[in-house]
């Protein structure tokens, strides 16, 4: 996967970083093969002293994908080596042949947990520690960077996450499909921040938020806040207001303007549909967001972060666990998270205090509605001279989404008849929006 343009990292740096890591791995593999010369019975169970020869973490200090993964996941030097070992066969199949020389199990193929343990440690204590680092609760497996098949069996095959491999190799990402394994979908828009219509104070907060996203690397890394303070890289924003006021569209526009890929997660659907699986599903979303430096958008945040009630059944217990897990991941997440809700009053006050930026999206007033009407009609649309958008904005209290839908209805009415959008067609489209909302037209 390619890194966001905002990092300034070029593909040549990806290749140089990857080549350096693979050369370090080759050197370690050669040493381990030499150490294993002779029969299995003649080899010692483990040497004494420190585990030398493992490339230090300082060798992964770049800004290309591999270094970022090692830093973001908090890997140790042996864990970083194992991660490189899992990626290496995707560059050169010779590594699978070399790994076969590091095991006594006949027929073993590729990188197994046992081979990884041998690569990461030559002492007895180091072998024990390597086994811990390959357990399900350790970063390599818990974060989804690697998988062990069968689980818990070090004789099983270690595989790198395919999305991680594509990113490190500089390949384009595979299309994301919403599933229980990854309950999020890409969030895109044709709109930019100039299309966001909000009252002055709210609009300024959106501009400030865009600036904060764009300049995080400068402030946190270059200017040192990340080295001197905890949790300064993460950014949590809450957009609240009635339906149709542009909360999700604005999040997508922020993504587009800052060059960050965005994923949308429907929390209410996730918690209700995948009860008991929510933590695993959310872990995959957050882990991918860390690797790809994505912007995460969670719709209907009140479904999870609302005021908790007493635990009366297993569903409530699961829900409380999921809230705790999500809260801990958000607090520790080094990226951007935007929550949206239609009901701010339902968001727990203790959680509100953890939010860095809150933006209200009110129902648009007449002035905003005029701007919205003018923005939603494409310049190619044939519009009659009689159309009075100011009058429509003054008379009909509609949200931005309703104005868009009303204009689209009017365009289809015109396409089937006169091929020109008239005031009557626009009024008919407006009436349809009132009917859909169960409201009476004044």
Protein backbone atom coordinates (compact mmCIF):
# COMPACT_ATOMS: atom_id res chain seq x y z
CA UNK A 1 0.00 0.00 0.00
CA UNK A 2 1.18 3.46 -0.72
CA UNK A 3 1.66 5.85 2.16
CA UNK A 4 -0.34 9.07 2.25
CA UNK A 5 1.08 11.88 0.20
CA UNK A 6 1.27 14.03 3.32
CA UNK A 7 4.20 11.99 4.68
CA UNK A 8 6.46 13.06 1.84
CA UNK A 9 7.84 9.50 1.61
CA UNK A 10 8.85 8.48 -1.92
CA UNK A 11 8.72 4.93 -3.38
CA UNK A 12 12.54 4.89 -3.67
CA UNK A 13 12.74 5.17 0.12
CA UNK A 14 10.40 2.20 0.45
CA UNK A 15 12.74 0.08 -1.68
CA UNK A 16 15.87 1.23 0.14
CA UNK A 17 14.35 0.51 3.54
CA UNK A 18 13.09 -2.92 2.49
CA UNK A 19 16.39 -3.89 0.88
CA UNK A 20 18.32 -2.91 4.01
CA UNK A 21 15.97 -4.99 6.20
CA UNK A 22 16.25 -8.04 3.92
CA UNK A 23 20.05 -7.79 3.87
CA UNK A 24 20.06 -7.76 7.68
CA UNK A 25 17.77 -10.80 7.65
CA UNK A 26 20.04 -12.65 5.20
CA UNK A 27 23.01 -12.09 7.49
CA UNK A 28 21.14 -13.47 10.51
CA UNK A 29 19.89 -16.48 8.52
CA UNK A 30 23.44 -17.27 7.40
CA UNK A 31 24.66 -17.13 11.01
CA UNK A 32 21.85 -19.36 12.25
CA UNK A 33 22.47 -21.93 9.48
CA UNK A 34 26.14 -22.03 10.38
CA UNK A 35 25.28 -22.49 14.05
CA UNK A 36 23.13 -25.50 13.16
CA UNK A 37 25.84 -27.39 11.26
CA UNK A 38 26.14 -30.94 12.54
CA UNK A 39 23.60 -33.46 13.78
CA UNK A 40 20.65 -32.40 15.98
CA UNK A 41 21.97 -34.47 18.88
CA UNK A 42 25.28 -32.58 18.85
CA UNK A 43 23.67 -29.16 19.09
CA UNK A 44 23.28 -27.49 22.44
CA UNK A 45 19.80 -26.58 23.62
CA UNK A 46 20.89 -22.99 23.98
CA UNK A 47 23.96 -20.91 24.62
CA UNK A 48 24.56 -18.74 27.64
CA UNK A 49 24.86 -14.96 27.59
CA UNK A 50 23.05 -12.31 25.57
CA UNK A 51 21.44 -12.93 22.20
CA UNK A 52 23.83 -11.15 19.90
CA UNK A 53 23.56 -10.56 16.18
CA UNK A 54 19.96 -9.30 16.12
CA UNK A 55 19.76 -5.99 14.21
CA UNK A 56 18.99 -3.20 16.70
CA UNK A 57 15.83 -1.12 16.52
CA UNK A 58 17.93 1.84 15.40
CA UNK A 59 18.11 0.14 11.99
CA UNK A 60 14.34 0.73 11.62
CA UNK A 61 14.30 4.47 12.15
CA UNK A 62 13.04 5.65 8.75
CA UNK A 63 9.64 7.02 7.76
CA UNK A 64 8.79 4.35 5.21
CA UNK A 65 6.17 1.66 6.01
CA UNK A 66 8.32 -0.97 7.72
CA UNK A 67 9.86 1.46 10.20
CA UNK A 68 6.45 2.94 10.95
CA UNK A 69 4.97 -0.49 11.66
CA UNK A 70 7.83 -1.40 14.00
CA UNK A 71 7.44 1.89 15.87
CA UNK A 72 3.63 1.99 16.00
CA UNK A 73 3.33 -1.63 17.19
CA UNK A 74 6.10 -1.16 19.77
CA UNK A 75 8.06 -4.18 18.53
CA UNK A 76 11.32 -5.34 20.06
CA UNK A 77 14.38 -5.99 17.89
CA UNK A 78 13.71 -9.79 17.72
CA UNK A 79 10.04 -9.16 16.88
CA UNK A 80 11.03 -6.75 14.11
CA UNK A 81 13.34 -9.41 12.67
CA UNK A 82 10.53 -12.00 12.69
CA UNK A 83 8.22 -9.53 10.95
CA UNK A 84 10.82 -9.00 8.20
CA UNK A 85 11.24 -12.77 7.92
CA UNK A 86 7.51 -13.17 7.27
CA UNK A 87 7.55 -10.50 4.56
CA UNK A 88 10.78 -11.67 2.87
CA UNK A 89 9.35 -14.60 0.80
CA UNK A 90 7.01 -12.12 -0.91
CA UNK A 91 10.14 -10.47 -2.33
CA UNK A 92 12.29 -13.55 -2.99
CA UNK A 93 11.18 -17.17 -2.70
CA UNK A 94 14.73 -18.21 -1.75
CA UNK A 95 13.91 -17.32 1.83
CA UNK A 96 11.47 -20.24 2.09
CA UNK A 97 14.30 -22.55 1.01
CA UNK A 98 16.64 -21.01 3.58
CA UNK A 99 14.04 -21.38 6.34
CA UNK A 100 13.86 -25.12 5.57
CA UNK A 101 17.51 -25.37 6.65
CA UNK A 102 16.60 -24.03 10.09
CA UNK A 103 14.24 -26.82 11.14
CA UNK A 104 14.54 -30.52 11.90
CA UNK A 105 10.91 -31.21 11.05
CA UNK A 106 10.68 -33.10 7.75
CA UNK A 107 8.39 -31.51 5.24
CA UNK A 108 8.17 -28.19 7.05
CA UNK A 109 7.56 -25.38 4.58
CA UNK A 110 8.31 -21.68 4.85
CA UNK A 111 8.54 -19.65 8.03
CA UNK A 112 7.16 -21.57 11.00
CA UNK A 113 6.93 -20.40 14.57
CA UNK A 114 9.87 -22.66 15.42
CA UNK A 115 12.03 -21.22 12.64
CA UNK A 116 11.13 -17.72 13.78
CA UNK A 117 12.16 -18.66 17.31
CA UNK A 118 15.50 -19.92 15.99
CA UNK A 119 16.05 -16.70 14.03
CA UNK A 120 15.20 -14.49 17.00
CA UNK A 121 17.23 -16.28 19.67
CA UNK A 122 20.33 -18.44 20.13
CA UNK A 123 20.32 -18.66 23.94
CA UNK A 124 18.05 -20.73 26.15
CA UNK A 125 16.50 -17.66 27.78
CA UNK A 126 16.09 -16.03 24.41
CA UNK A 127 14.23 -19.07 23.05
CA UNK A 128 11.79 -18.89 25.95
CA UNK A 129 11.28 -15.19 25.38
CA UNK A 130 10.79 -15.76 21.63
CA UNK A 131 8.03 -18.26 22.39
CA UNK A 132 6.28 -15.59 24.45
CA UNK A 133 6.67 -13.06 21.63
CA UNK A 134 4.95 -15.49 19.27
CA UNK A 135 1.99 -16.05 21.59
CA UNK A 136 -1.50 -14.79 20.75
CA UNK A 137 -1.34 -11.96 23.29
CA UNK A 138 1.98 -10.51 22.09
CA UNK A 139 2.10 -7.61 19.59
CA UNK A 140 2.97 -9.58 16.44
CA UNK A 141 -0.13 -11.77 16.61
CA UNK A 142 -2.43 -9.65 18.77
CA UNK A 143 -2.15 -6.70 16.39
CA UNK A 144 -2.82 -8.87 13.34
CA UNK A 145 0.59 -8.24 11.77
CA UNK A 146 1.21 -11.99 11.66
CA UNK A 147 -0.99 -15.08 11.95
CA UNK A 148 0.02 -18.55 13.11
CA UNK A 149 -1.73 -21.55 11.55
CA UNK A 150 -2.69 -23.60 13.49
CA UNK A 151 -3.05 -21.10 16.31
CA UNK A 152 -0.89 -21.73 19.36
CA UNK A 153 1.32 -24.28 17.58
CA UNK A 154 4.85 -23.05 16.89
CA UNK A 155 5.28 -25.80 14.30
CA UNK A 156 2.60 -24.02 12.28
CA UNK A 157 3.12 -21.54 9.44
CA UNK A 158 3.67 -17.87 10.22
CA UNK A 159 2.16 -15.53 7.63
CA UNK A 160 2.21 -11.77 7.32
CA UNK A 161 -1.05 -9.89 6.95
CA UNK A 162 -1.65 -9.48 3.17
CA UNK A 163 -2.59 -5.80 3.56
CA UNK A 164 0.64 -5.19 5.46
CA UNK A 165 2.69 -6.94 2.76
CA UNK A 166 1.13 -4.85 0.01
CA UNK A 167 1.81 -1.66 1.93
CA UNK A 168 5.44 -2.49 2.69
CA UNK A 169 6.03 -3.53 -0.92
CA UNK A 170 4.47 -0.29 -2.20
CA UNK A 171 1.59 -2.06 -3.94
CA UNK A 172 -1.90 -0.55 -4.27
CA UNK A 173 -4.37 -1.74 -1.59
CA UNK A 174 -6.90 -4.43 -2.30
CA UNK A 175 -10.52 -3.20 -2.37
CA UNK A 176 -12.05 -3.32 1.10
CA UNK A 177 -15.26 -5.28 1.59
CA UNK A 178 -17.39 -4.93 4.72
CA UNK A 179 -17.47 -8.17 6.71
CA UNK A 180 -17.28 -9.51 10.24
CA UNK A 181 -13.49 -9.52 9.80
CA UNK A 182 -13.37 -5.86 8.72
CA UNK A 183 -16.65 -4.07 9.58
CA UNK A 184 -15.78 -0.80 7.83
CA UNK A 185 -16.08 0.63 4.35
CA UNK A 186 -14.04 3.28 2.56
CA UNK A 187 -15.53 6.75 2.94
CA UNK A 188 -15.13 8.96 -0.11
CA UNK A 189 -16.73 12.13 -1.46
CA UNK A 190 -16.59 14.46 -4.45
CA UNK A 191 -16.77 17.41 -2.05
CA UNK A 192 -14.00 19.52 -0.61
CA UNK A 193 -13.97 21.64 2.52
CA UNK A 194 -15.13 24.63 0.48
CA UNK A 195 -18.44 22.80 0.00
CA UNK A 196 -19.08 22.53 3.75
CA UNK A 197 -21.85 24.99 4.69
CA UNK A 198 -21.95 25.81 8.41
CA UNK A 199 -22.37 28.88 10.61
CA UNK A 200 -19.18 30.88 11.15
CA UNK A 201 -17.99 29.42 14.50
CA UNK A 202 -18.53 25.82 13.39
CA UNK A 203 -16.85 26.47 10.04
CA UNK A 204 -13.79 27.87 11.80
CA UNK A 205 -13.58 24.78 14.01
CA UNK A 206 -13.57 22.59 10.89
CA UNK A 207 -10.75 24.67 9.40
CA UNK A 208 -8.80 24.39 12.67
CA UNK A 209 -9.37 20.63 12.68
CA UNK A 210 -8.08 20.33 9.10
CA UNK A 211 -4.97 22.32 10.05
CA UNK A 212 -4.39 20.14 13.10
CA UNK A 213 -4.59 16.98 10.99
CA UNK A 214 -2.28 18.38 8.32
CA UNK A 215 0.40 19.57 10.75
CA UNK A 216 0.43 16.67 13.24
CA UNK A 217 3.78 15.31 12.01
CA UNK A 218 5.40 18.72 12.34
CA UNK A 219 4.13 19.38 15.88
CA UNK A 220 4.33 15.84 17.29
CA UNK A 221 7.50 14.58 15.63
CA UNK A 222 9.62 17.48 14.37
CA UNK A 223 8.81 19.83 17.25
CA UNK A 224 9.09 17.03 19.82
CA UNK A 225 5.71 16.96 21.57
CA UNK A 226 5.51 13.20 21.02
CA UNK A 227 8.82 12.69 22.80
CA UNK A 228 7.94 14.84 25.79
CA UNK A 229 4.23 14.13 26.34
CA UNK A 230 1.97 11.09 26.24
CA UNK A 231 -0.83 10.56 23.70
CA UNK A 232 -0.17 13.70 21.66
CA UNK A 233 -0.37 12.01 18.25
CA UNK A 234 -4.01 10.97 18.60
CA UNK A 235 -6.85 13.31 17.68
CA UNK A 236 -10.48 12.67 18.66
CA UNK A 237 -13.28 14.83 17.26
CA UNK A 238 -17.05 14.68 17.74
CA UNK A 239 -19.54 16.01 15.18
CA UNK A 240 -23.04 16.39 16.61
CA UNK A 241 -26.31 17.65 15.18
CA UNK A 242 -29.58 16.59 13.52
CA UNK A 243 -29.61 14.11 10.62
CA UNK A 244 -28.78 15.46 7.19
CA UNK A 245 -26.66 18.39 8.38
CA UNK A 246 -23.43 17.17 6.76
CA UNK A 247 -21.52 15.45 9.55
CA UNK A 248 -20.38 12.41 7.56
CA UNK A 249 -19.84 14.43 4.38
CA UNK A 250 -17.60 16.84 6.28
CA UNK A 251 -15.57 13.95 7.67
CA UNK A 252 -15.11 12.66 4.12
CA UNK A 253 -14.15 16.14 2.91
CA UNK A 254 -11.55 16.37 5.70
CA UNK A 255 -10.16 13.04 4.56
CA UNK A 256 -9.92 14.25 0.99
CA UNK A 257 -8.36 17.61 1.85
CA UNK A 258 -5.71 16.12 4.15
CA UNK A 259 -4.82 13.18 1.92
CA UNK A 260 -5.83 10.52 4.47
CA UNK A 261 -7.83 7.45 3.50
CA UNK A 262 -11.03 7.26 5.58
CA UNK A 263 -13.00 4.25 6.78
CA UNK A 264 -16.57 4.46 8.08
CA UNK A 265 -17.77 2.16 10.88
CA UNK A 266 -21.40 1.95 11.94
CA UNK A 267 -21.09 1.33 15.67
CA UNK A 268 -24.76 0.56 16.30
CA UNK A 269 -24.80 -2.15 13.62
CA UNK A 270 -21.47 -3.54 14.77
CA UNK A 271 -22.43 -3.94 18.42
CA UNK A 272 -25.88 -5.36 17.76
CA UNK A 273 -24.96 -7.73 14.93
CA UNK A 274 -21.60 -9.07 16.03
CA UNK A 275 -22.14 -9.38 19.76
CA UNK A 276 -19.07 -10.92 21.35
CA UNK A 277 -16.98 -10.39 18.21
CA UNK A 278 -16.84 -6.61 18.41
CA UNK A 279 -13.42 -6.40 20.05
CA UNK A 280 -11.78 -8.57 17.38
CA UNK A 281 -13.49 -6.68 14.58
CA UNK A 282 -12.55 -3.28 16.00
CA UNK A 283 -8.97 -4.45 16.55
CA UNK A 284 -8.63 -5.15 12.83
CA UNK A 285 -9.99 -1.71 11.99
CA UNK A 286 -7.64 0.10 14.36
CA UNK A 287 -4.63 -1.98 13.36
CA UNK A 288 -5.20 -1.23 9.69
CA UNK A 289 -5.68 2.45 10.48
CA UNK A 290 -2.34 2.53 12.32
CA UNK A 291 -0.51 0.83 9.45
CA UNK A 292 -2.05 2.97 6.73
CA UNK A 293 -2.40 6.20 8.75
CA UNK A 294 -6.13 6.27 8.03
CA UNK A 295 -8.85 8.52 9.35
CA UNK A 296 -11.56 6.54 11.20
CA UNK A 297 -15.17 7.72 11.25
CA UNK A 298 -17.63 6.11 13.68
CA UNK A 299 -21.30 6.83 12.99
CA UNK A 300 -23.95 6.88 15.72
CA UNK A 301 -21.45 7.13 18.55
CA UNK A 302 -24.24 7.44 21.11
CA UNK A 303 -25.05 3.77 20.46
CA UNK A 304 -21.83 2.88 22.27
CA UNK A 305 -20.82 5.94 24.26
CA UNK A 306 -24.25 6.67 25.69
CA UNK A 307 -24.92 6.64 29.40
CA UNK A 308 -24.61 3.09 30.67
CA UNK A 309 -27.44 1.36 32.44
CA UNK A 310 -27.29 -1.42 34.99
CA UNK A 311 -26.14 -4.80 33.73
CA UNK A 312 -29.23 -6.98 33.44
CA UNK A 313 -28.14 -9.67 30.97
CA UNK A 314 -25.20 -11.01 28.97
CA UNK A 315 -25.83 -8.48 26.19
CA UNK A 316 -25.28 -5.62 28.65
CA UNK A 317 -22.10 -7.24 29.94
CA UNK A 318 -20.75 -7.62 26.41
CA UNK A 319 -21.74 -4.04 25.60
CA UNK A 320 -19.88 -2.68 28.62
CA UNK A 321 -16.79 -4.70 27.71
CA UNK A 322 -16.94 -3.40 24.15
CA UNK A 323 -17.27 0.20 25.32
CA UNK A 324 -14.24 -0.23 27.58
CA UNK A 325 -12.23 -1.80 24.77
CA UNK A 326 -13.19 0.86 22.24
CA UNK A 327 -12.44 3.65 24.69
CA UNK A 328 -8.99 2.25 25.45
CA UNK A 329 -8.19 1.84 21.76
CA UNK A 330 -9.33 5.37 20.94
CA UNK A 331 -7.27 6.84 23.79
CA UNK A 332 -4.16 4.95 22.67
CA UNK A 333 -4.74 5.38 18.92
CA UNK A 334 -2.03 7.56 17.31
CA UNK A 335 -4.29 8.65 14.46
CA UNK A 336 -7.43 10.64 13.76
CA UNK A 337 -10.86 9.46 14.94
CA UNK A 338 -14.10 11.30 14.18
CA UNK A 339 -17.32 10.34 15.94
CA UNK A 340 -20.74 11.48 14.75
CA UNK A 341 -24.01 11.55 16.65
CA UNK A 342 -27.48 12.97 16.23
CA UNK A 343 -27.96 13.16 20.00
CA UNK A 344 -25.21 14.88 21.96
CA UNK A 345 -27.29 14.64 25.16
CA UNK A 346 -26.95 10.86 25.00
CA UNK A 347 -23.14 10.93 25.01
CA UNK A 348 -21.70 10.21 28.43
CA UNK A 349 -20.25 13.38 29.98
CA UNK A 350 -17.14 11.58 31.19
CA UNK A 351 -16.43 10.53 27.63
CA UNK A 352 -17.06 14.04 26.31
CA UNK A 353 -14.14 15.28 28.40
CA UNK A 354 -11.81 13.02 26.39
CA UNK A 355 -12.75 14.67 23.09
CA UNK A 356 -10.27 17.16 21.65
CA UNK A 357 -12.57 18.93 19.18
CA UNK A 358 -16.39 19.17 19.25
CA UNK A 359 -18.30 20.71 16.34
CA UNK A 360 -22.04 21.36 16.29
CA UNK A 361 -23.87 20.90 12.98
CA UNK A 362 -27.15 22.81 13.46
CA UNK A 363 -30.13 22.87 11.16
CA UNK A 364 -29.23 25.41 8.47
CA UNK A 365 -30.81 28.84 8.75
CA UNK A 366 -32.06 30.84 5.76
CA UNK A 367 -28.59 32.18 4.92
CA UNK A 368 -27.05 28.69 4.96
CA UNK A 369 -29.99 27.29 2.97
CA UNK A 370 -29.40 29.85 0.20
CA UNK A 371 -25.77 28.76 -0.05
CA UNK A 372 -26.80 25.11 -0.04
CA UNK A 373 -29.36 25.60 -2.84
CA UNK A 374 -26.76 27.35 -4.96
CA UNK A 375 -24.17 24.68 -4.24
CA UNK A 376 -26.31 21.61 -5.01
CA UNK A 377 -27.41 22.67 -8.51
CA UNK A 378 -24.67 21.64 -10.99
CA UNK A 379 -23.56 24.33 -13.45
CA UNK A 380 -24.57 22.05 -16.35
CA UNK A 381 -28.19 21.87 -15.12
CA UNK A 382 -30.67 23.81 -17.30
CA UNK A 383 -32.54 26.10 -14.89
CA UNK A 384 -35.42 28.38 -15.83
CA UNK A 385 -34.96 32.11 -15.32
CA UNK A 386 -37.96 32.15 -13.00
CA UNK A 387 -36.27 29.98 -10.35
CA UNK A 388 -35.93 31.92 -7.07
CA UNK A 389 -33.58 30.05 -4.76
CA UNK A 390 -33.71 32.81 -2.14
CA UNK A 391 -37.47 32.37 -1.85
CA UNK A 392 -37.13 28.59 -1.48
CA UNK A 393 -34.49 29.03 1.22
CA UNK A 394 -36.64 31.50 3.15
CA UNK A 395 -39.84 29.50 2.95
CA UNK A 396 -38.80 25.86 3.40
CA UNK A 397 -36.73 24.74 6.44
CA UNK A 398 -34.76 21.82 5.02
CA UNK A 399 -31.47 20.19 5.93
CA UNK A 400 -28.58 20.06 3.50
CA UNK A 401 -29.32 16.44 2.61
CA UNK A 402 -32.99 17.27 1.97
CA UNK A 403 -32.06 20.19 -0.29
CA UNK A 404 -29.78 17.93 -2.28
CA UNK A 405 -32.47 15.26 -2.63
CA UNK A 406 -35.13 17.83 -3.54
CA UNK A 407 -32.95 19.21 -6.32
CA UNK A 408 -32.29 15.70 -7.62
CA UNK A 409 -36.03 14.92 -7.65
CA UNK A 410 -36.65 18.17 -9.55
CA UNK A 411 -33.98 17.26 -12.12
CA UNK A 412 -35.64 13.89 -12.81
CA UNK A 413 -39.03 15.55 -13.16
CA UNK A 414 -37.53 17.96 -15.68
CA UNK A 415 -35.71 15.20 -17.56
CA UNK A 416 -39.01 13.36 -18.10
CA UNK A 417 -40.85 16.45 -19.27
CA UNK A 418 -39.60 19.89 -20.22
CA UNK A 419 -35.84 19.35 -19.86
CA UNK A 420 -35.63 22.56 -17.85
CA UNK A 421 -35.80 22.76 -14.05
CA UNK A 422 -38.54 25.17 -13.03
CA UNK A 423 -39.67 26.58 -9.71
CA UNK A 424 -42.62 24.18 -9.75
CA UNK A 425 -40.34 21.17 -10.15
CA UNK A 426 -38.20 22.34 -7.24
CA UNK A 427 -41.27 22.87 -5.07
CA UNK A 428 -42.49 19.38 -5.99
CA UNK A 429 -39.13 17.98 -4.93
CA UNK A 430 -39.38 19.88 -1.66
CA UNK A 431 -42.87 18.48 -1.00
CA UNK A 432 -41.51 14.98 -1.46
CA UNK A 433 -38.87 15.63 1.21
CA UNK A 434 -41.52 16.83 3.65
CA UNK A 435 -43.61 13.73 2.93
CA UNK A 436 -40.62 11.42 3.52
CA UNK A 437 -39.98 13.13 6.86
CA UNK A 438 -43.68 12.93 7.85
CA UNK A 439 -43.93 16.69 8.01
CA UNK A 440 -46.58 19.07 6.72
CA UNK A 441 -45.62 21.67 4.14
CA UNK A 442 -46.44 25.18 5.26
